[in-house]
């Protein structure tokens, strides 16, 4: 019933003000007391799943975008991160919302759904499954091709409302963060809720293999080879991958060009509610 209700809602466009956008293999946790961020969100999930974990007592909320790379470890990390903001002995319980995936040919969505359920089941804490809108419950068919119904969701940290969403702005450092994923990142926490700061990096990778070859390929080749579900990708998938590859070509050694001082890039919300870079000297 909950999945049906969620699927029936049109995707809302979430503007950047007060938003913390989470990319693949990233997570962020905050509480209703946060003065800068009121919405956590992520989209462009095809076979990936977006997971929201919330403690009803403290209101501490985590959103992550999982792709099945190391699900068991990732679930442990997000559970402990939410618990670090919550007094789990007192009032309230842990609730999880799983959204994403569809009936894809390779059954990657189904596999990820099973991994996530198993990983939450293995947690020593009781976790209550509240929203389950994944794989076959998030699937639509058109001319014999399957697609996800919901590609993205947002959670309002203050009201706990979860809704289908799209995000015109995914910044800051969108290419840098995507490059980190494309070069094999593990799940990364990007937000310090106590300081209300977004921390990106420092990230290090080796020169991306055959980057020139990939940049020369046509859209079809990129879609076929660099997507888990070529037929169901959103229209901007190829341009996003191209932009990330160009970034990797430009920065083969991030330790020299991007993070020479080995410090993260730090952003804080300004008075308009938009991310603004903070000089690392001031920290």
Protein backbone atom coordinates (compact mmCIF):
# COMPACT_ATOMS: atom_id res chain seq x y z
CA UNK A 1 0.00 0.00 0.00
CA UNK A 2 2.79 2.37 0.93
CA UNK A 3 4.62 1.63 -2.33
CA UNK A 4 1.43 2.20 -4.30
CA UNK A 5 0.91 5.55 -2.60
CA UNK A 6 4.51 6.62 -3.26
CA UNK A 7 4.36 5.55 -6.93
CA UNK A 8 1.17 7.52 -7.49
CA UNK A 9 2.80 10.83 -6.51
CA UNK A 10 4.37 12.95 -9.27
CA UNK A 11 8.07 13.73 -8.78
CA UNK A 12 8.56 17.12 -7.15
CA UNK A 13 11.34 19.41 -8.37
CA UNK A 14 13.55 20.18 -5.38
CA UNK A 15 15.40 23.48 -5.59
CA UNK A 16 18.92 23.79 -4.14
CA UNK A 17 17.91 25.92 -1.15
CA UNK A 18 18.22 23.83 2.03
CA UNK A 19 19.02 20.70 -0.02
CA UNK A 20 21.89 18.28 0.47
CA UNK A 21 22.14 16.13 -2.67
CA UNK A 22 23.69 12.67 -2.20
CA UNK A 23 25.40 10.91 -5.12
CA UNK A 24 25.96 7.19 -5.63
CA UNK A 25 28.11 5.61 -2.87
CA UNK A 26 27.73 8.67 -0.66
CA UNK A 27 25.68 9.11 2.49
CA UNK A 28 24.71 12.00 4.72
CA UNK A 29 23.15 12.10 8.18
CA UNK A 30 21.57 15.02 9.98
CA UNK A 31 18.86 15.87 12.51
CA UNK A 32 15.84 18.21 12.59
CA UNK A 33 18.00 20.71 14.52
CA UNK A 34 20.12 21.35 11.42
CA UNK A 35 19.86 25.03 10.51
CA UNK A 36 21.32 24.59 7.01
CA UNK A 37 19.90 21.39 5.55
CA UNK A 38 16.24 20.46 5.66
CA UNK A 39 16.11 18.04 2.69
CA UNK A 40 18.29 15.07 1.79
CA UNK A 41 17.82 13.64 -1.69
CA UNK A 42 19.23 11.52 -4.50
CA UNK A 43 18.09 10.45 -7.96
CA UNK A 44 19.22 8.76 -11.19
CA UNK A 45 18.78 5.35 -9.55
CA UNK A 46 18.05 2.62 -12.10
CA UNK A 47 19.21 -0.68 -10.57
CA UNK A 48 20.53 1.22 -7.53
CA UNK A 49 18.40 1.67 -4.39
CA UNK A 50 18.01 4.78 -2.27
CA UNK A 51 17.89 4.03 1.44
CA UNK A 52 16.53 6.32 4.13
CA UNK A 53 17.13 5.30 7.74
CA UNK A 54 15.57 7.37 10.50
CA UNK A 55 15.36 7.23 14.27
CA UNK A 56 11.86 8.32 15.30
CA UNK A 57 13.02 9.58 18.69
CA UNK A 58 15.88 11.88 17.71
CA UNK A 59 14.71 12.44 14.13
CA UNK A 60 18.28 11.66 12.99
CA UNK A 61 17.98 10.80 9.31
CA UNK A 62 20.44 9.19 6.89
CA UNK A 63 20.04 8.99 3.12
CA UNK A 64 22.32 6.87 0.94
CA UNK A 65 22.44 5.71 -2.69
CA UNK A 66 23.51 2.02 -2.79
CA UNK A 67 24.70 0.16 -5.89
CA UNK A 68 25.48 -3.24 -4.38
CA UNK A 69 29.23 -2.76 -4.15
CA UNK A 70 29.51 -3.74 -0.47
CA UNK A 71 26.00 -3.74 0.93
CA UNK A 72 26.59 -5.43 4.29
CA UNK A 73 29.39 -3.05 5.31
CA UNK A 74 27.40 -0.04 4.04
CA UNK A 75 24.33 -0.91 6.10
CA UNK A 76 26.44 -1.26 9.27
CA UNK A 77 27.95 2.16 8.63
CA UNK A 78 24.61 3.93 8.15
CA UNK A 79 23.01 2.24 11.17
CA UNK A 80 25.86 3.29 13.44
CA UNK A 81 25.88 6.81 11.98
CA UNK A 82 22.18 7.30 12.78
CA UNK A 83 22.65 5.78 16.24
CA UNK A 84 25.50 8.22 16.94
CA UNK A 85 22.90 11.03 16.83
CA UNK A 86 20.25 9.12 18.78
CA UNK A 87 19.73 7.83 22.27
CA UNK A 88 18.53 4.40 21.20
CA UNK A 89 17.88 3.31 24.80
CA UNK A 90 15.16 5.94 25.14
CA UNK A 91 12.07 6.70 23.13
CA UNK A 92 11.81 5.90 19.41
CA UNK A 93 12.81 3.22 16.93
CA UNK A 94 14.86 2.80 13.76
CA UNK A 95 12.77 2.89 10.57
CA UNK A 96 14.01 2.12 7.08
CA UNK A 97 12.62 3.13 3.69
CA UNK A 98 13.87 1.35 0.56
CA UNK A 99 13.12 2.80 -2.88
CA UNK A 100 14.48 2.05 -6.35
CA UNK A 101 15.36 -0.66 -8.83
CA UNK A 102 13.04 -2.37 -11.33
CA UNK A 103 12.71 -5.73 -13.13
CA UNK A 104 15.96 -5.40 -15.06
CA UNK A 105 17.21 -8.14 -17.41
CA UNK A 106 20.22 -9.00 -15.30
CA UNK A 107 18.21 -9.07 -12.04
CA UNK A 108 20.70 -6.70 -10.42
CA UNK A 109 17.85 -4.85 -8.68
CA UNK A 110 16.48 -8.06 -7.18
CA UNK A 111 19.93 -9.02 -5.97
CA UNK A 112 20.43 -5.62 -4.31
CA UNK A 113 16.97 -5.74 -2.69
CA UNK A 114 17.84 -9.14 -1.18
CA UNK A 115 21.27 -7.91 -0.01
CA UNK A 116 19.75 -4.89 1.70
CA UNK A 117 17.02 -6.90 3.46
CA UNK A 118 19.57 -9.42 4.64
CA UNK A 119 22.01 -6.75 5.82
CA UNK A 120 19.33 -4.93 7.85
CA UNK A 121 18.13 -8.26 9.23
CA UNK A 122 21.67 -9.02 10.44
CA UNK A 123 21.85 -5.79 12.47
CA UNK A 124 21.81 -6.28 16.24
CA UNK A 125 19.25 -3.45 16.48
CA UNK A 126 15.60 -3.81 15.55
CA UNK A 127 15.02 -2.02 12.27
CA UNK A 128 11.42 -1.53 11.14
CA UNK A 129 10.76 -1.69 7.40
CA UNK A 130 8.27 1.10 6.68
CA UNK A 131 8.54 1.74 2.94
CA UNK A 132 9.32 -1.03 0.46
CA UNK A 133 9.07 0.34 -3.08
CA UNK A 134 11.78 -1.63 -4.86
CA UNK A 135 12.34 -3.84 -7.91
CA UNK A 136 8.99 -5.37 -8.94
CA UNK A 137 7.09 -2.83 -6.80
CA UNK A 138 8.83 0.03 -8.66
CA UNK A 139 8.55 -1.42 -12.16
CA UNK A 140 6.63 -0.29 -15.22
CA UNK A 141 6.64 -1.84 -18.68
CA UNK A 142 6.49 -0.04 -21.99
CA UNK A 143 6.78 -1.87 -25.35
CA UNK A 144 8.33 -4.91 -23.62
CA UNK A 145 10.99 -2.76 -21.93
CA UNK A 146 11.05 -2.35 -18.16
CA UNK A 147 11.71 0.97 -16.40
CA UNK A 148 11.75 2.18 -12.80
CA UNK A 149 8.72 4.28 -11.86
CA UNK A 150 10.61 6.31 -9.24
CA UNK A 151 14.20 7.30 -10.07
CA UNK A 152 14.76 9.64 -7.14
CA UNK A 153 13.43 10.56 -3.72
CA UNK A 154 13.87 13.23 -1.09
CA UNK A 155 13.27 13.18 2.64
CA UNK A 156 12.32 16.23 4.66
CA UNK A 157 14.45 15.89 7.78
CA UNK A 158 12.10 18.03 9.86
CA UNK A 159 8.77 16.39 8.96
CA UNK A 160 10.06 12.89 7.95
CA UNK A 161 8.03 13.11 4.72
CA UNK A 162 9.46 11.06 1.83
CA UNK A 163 8.46 11.88 -1.76
CA UNK A 164 9.55 11.19 -5.37
CA UNK A 165 11.87 13.97 -6.51
CA UNK A 166 14.16 15.36 -9.18
CA UNK A 167 17.01 17.79 -8.61
CA UNK A 168 18.05 20.42 -11.17
CA UNK A 169 21.18 21.13 -9.07
CA UNK A 170 23.36 18.24 -7.89
CA UNK A 171 26.40 20.26 -6.84
CA UNK A 172 28.84 21.23 -5.64
CA UNK A 173 31.74 19.33 -7.24
CA UNK A 174 29.46 17.02 -9.20
CA UNK A 175 32.20 15.81 -11.59
CA UNK A 176 34.73 15.32 -8.81
CA UNK A 177 32.29 13.24 -6.78
CA UNK A 178 31.29 11.16 -9.83
CA UNK A 179 34.96 10.62 -10.69
CA UNK A 180 35.46 9.26 -7.17
CA UNK A 181 32.70 6.69 -7.78
CA UNK A 182 33.87 5.76 -11.30
CA UNK A 183 37.36 5.02 -9.93
CA UNK A 184 36.01 2.58 -7.34
CA UNK A 185 35.14 4.57 -4.22
CA UNK A 186 33.75 2.95 -1.10
CA UNK A 187 30.75 4.46 0.70
CA UNK A 188 31.69 7.96 1.84
CA UNK A 189 30.14 10.26 4.44
CA UNK A 190 29.99 13.74 2.91
CA UNK A 191 28.39 15.78 5.70
CA UNK A 192 29.36 16.99 9.16
CA UNK A 193 26.01 17.77 10.79
CA UNK A 194 27.53 19.28 13.93
CA UNK A 195 29.44 21.88 11.89
CA UNK A 196 26.74 21.94 9.15
CA UNK A 197 29.46 21.52 6.52
CA UNK A 198 29.73 19.49 3.34
CA UNK A 199 33.16 17.80 3.03
CA UNK A 200 34.31 16.61 -0.40
CA UNK A 201 37.56 14.66 -0.52
CA UNK A 202 40.43 14.48 -0.36
CA UNK A 203 40.05 11.79 -3.06
CA UNK A 204 42.90 10.02 -4.79
CA UNK A 205 42.84 7.77 -7.85
CA UNK A 206 45.15 6.43 -10.52
CA UNK A 207 44.88 7.62 -14.13
CA UNK A 208 41.64 6.19 -15.53
CA UNK A 209 42.42 3.35 -17.98
CA UNK A 210 41.63 4.03 -21.66
CA UNK A 211 40.03 7.39 -20.89
CA UNK A 212 40.71 8.68 -24.44
CA UNK A 213 39.18 5.55 -25.94
CA UNK A 214 35.97 6.03 -23.92
CA UNK A 215 35.75 9.73 -24.77
CA UNK A 216 35.91 8.85 -28.49
CA UNK A 217 32.99 6.40 -28.30
CA UNK A 218 29.52 7.32 -29.45
CA UNK A 219 26.61 7.62 -27.03
CA UNK A 220 25.38 4.10 -27.74
CA UNK A 221 28.73 2.51 -26.83
CA UNK A 222 28.95 4.49 -23.59
CA UNK A 223 25.41 3.54 -22.67
CA UNK A 224 25.93 -0.16 -23.50
CA UNK A 225 29.23 -0.49 -21.64
CA UNK A 226 29.09 1.92 -18.71
CA UNK A 227 25.52 1.42 -17.51
CA UNK A 228 24.00 -1.48 -15.56
CA UNK A 229 20.68 -0.90 -17.37
CA UNK A 230 21.23 0.83 -20.75
CA UNK A 231 17.56 0.91 -21.77
CA UNK A 232 16.30 2.50 -18.58
CA UNK A 233 18.82 5.28 -17.97
CA UNK A 234 17.61 8.89 -17.66
CA UNK A 235 18.32 11.02 -20.78
CA UNK A 236 21.28 12.87 -19.25
CA UNK A 237 23.20 9.67 -18.34
CA UNK A 238 25.64 9.79 -21.28
CA UNK A 239 26.45 13.49 -20.98
CA UNK A 240 27.04 12.97 -17.24
CA UNK A 241 29.46 10.08 -17.91
CA UNK A 242 31.27 12.07 -20.63
CA UNK A 243 31.68 14.99 -18.30
CA UNK A 244 33.08 12.68 -15.58
CA UNK A 245 35.50 11.04 -18.03
CA UNK A 246 36.69 14.45 -19.24
CA UNK A 247 37.27 15.39 -15.60
CA UNK A 248 39.31 12.20 -15.04
CA UNK A 249 41.36 12.98 -18.14
CA UNK A 250 42.01 16.51 -16.89
CA UNK A 251 42.97 15.29 -13.39
CA UNK A 252 44.89 11.99 -13.73
CA UNK A 253 46.68 12.70 -10.44
CA UNK A 254 44.25 14.39 -8.04
CA UNK A 255 46.93 14.59 -5.34
CA UNK A 256 48.69 17.17 -7.52
CA UNK A 257 45.88 19.09 -9.17
CA UNK A 258 42.94 18.85 -6.76
CA UNK A 259 44.16 18.05 -3.26
CA UNK A 260 47.81 19.14 -3.05
CA UNK A 261 47.38 20.00 0.65
CA UNK A 262 45.50 16.73 1.39
CA UNK A 263 42.53 18.67 2.78
CA UNK A 264 38.86 18.32 1.87
CA UNK A 265 36.93 20.96 -0.02
CA UNK A 266 34.52 22.36 2.52
CA UNK A 267 31.19 24.01 1.79
CA UNK A 268 28.67 25.74 4.00
CA UNK A 269 25.20 27.04 3.19
CA UNK A 270 25.10 30.83 2.71
CA UNK A 271 22.19 33.10 3.62
CA UNK A 272 20.40 32.19 0.38
CA UNK A 273 20.58 28.53 1.39
CA UNK A 274 23.15 27.65 -1.31
CA UNK A 275 26.51 25.90 -0.89
CA UNK A 276 29.50 28.21 -0.75
CA UNK A 277 33.12 27.09 -0.45
CA UNK A 278 34.85 27.89 2.84
CA UNK A 279 38.56 28.70 2.84
CA UNK A 280 40.37 25.86 4.60
CA UNK A 281 42.43 28.43 6.57
CA UNK A 282 39.33 29.49 8.48
CA UNK A 283 38.58 26.05 9.86
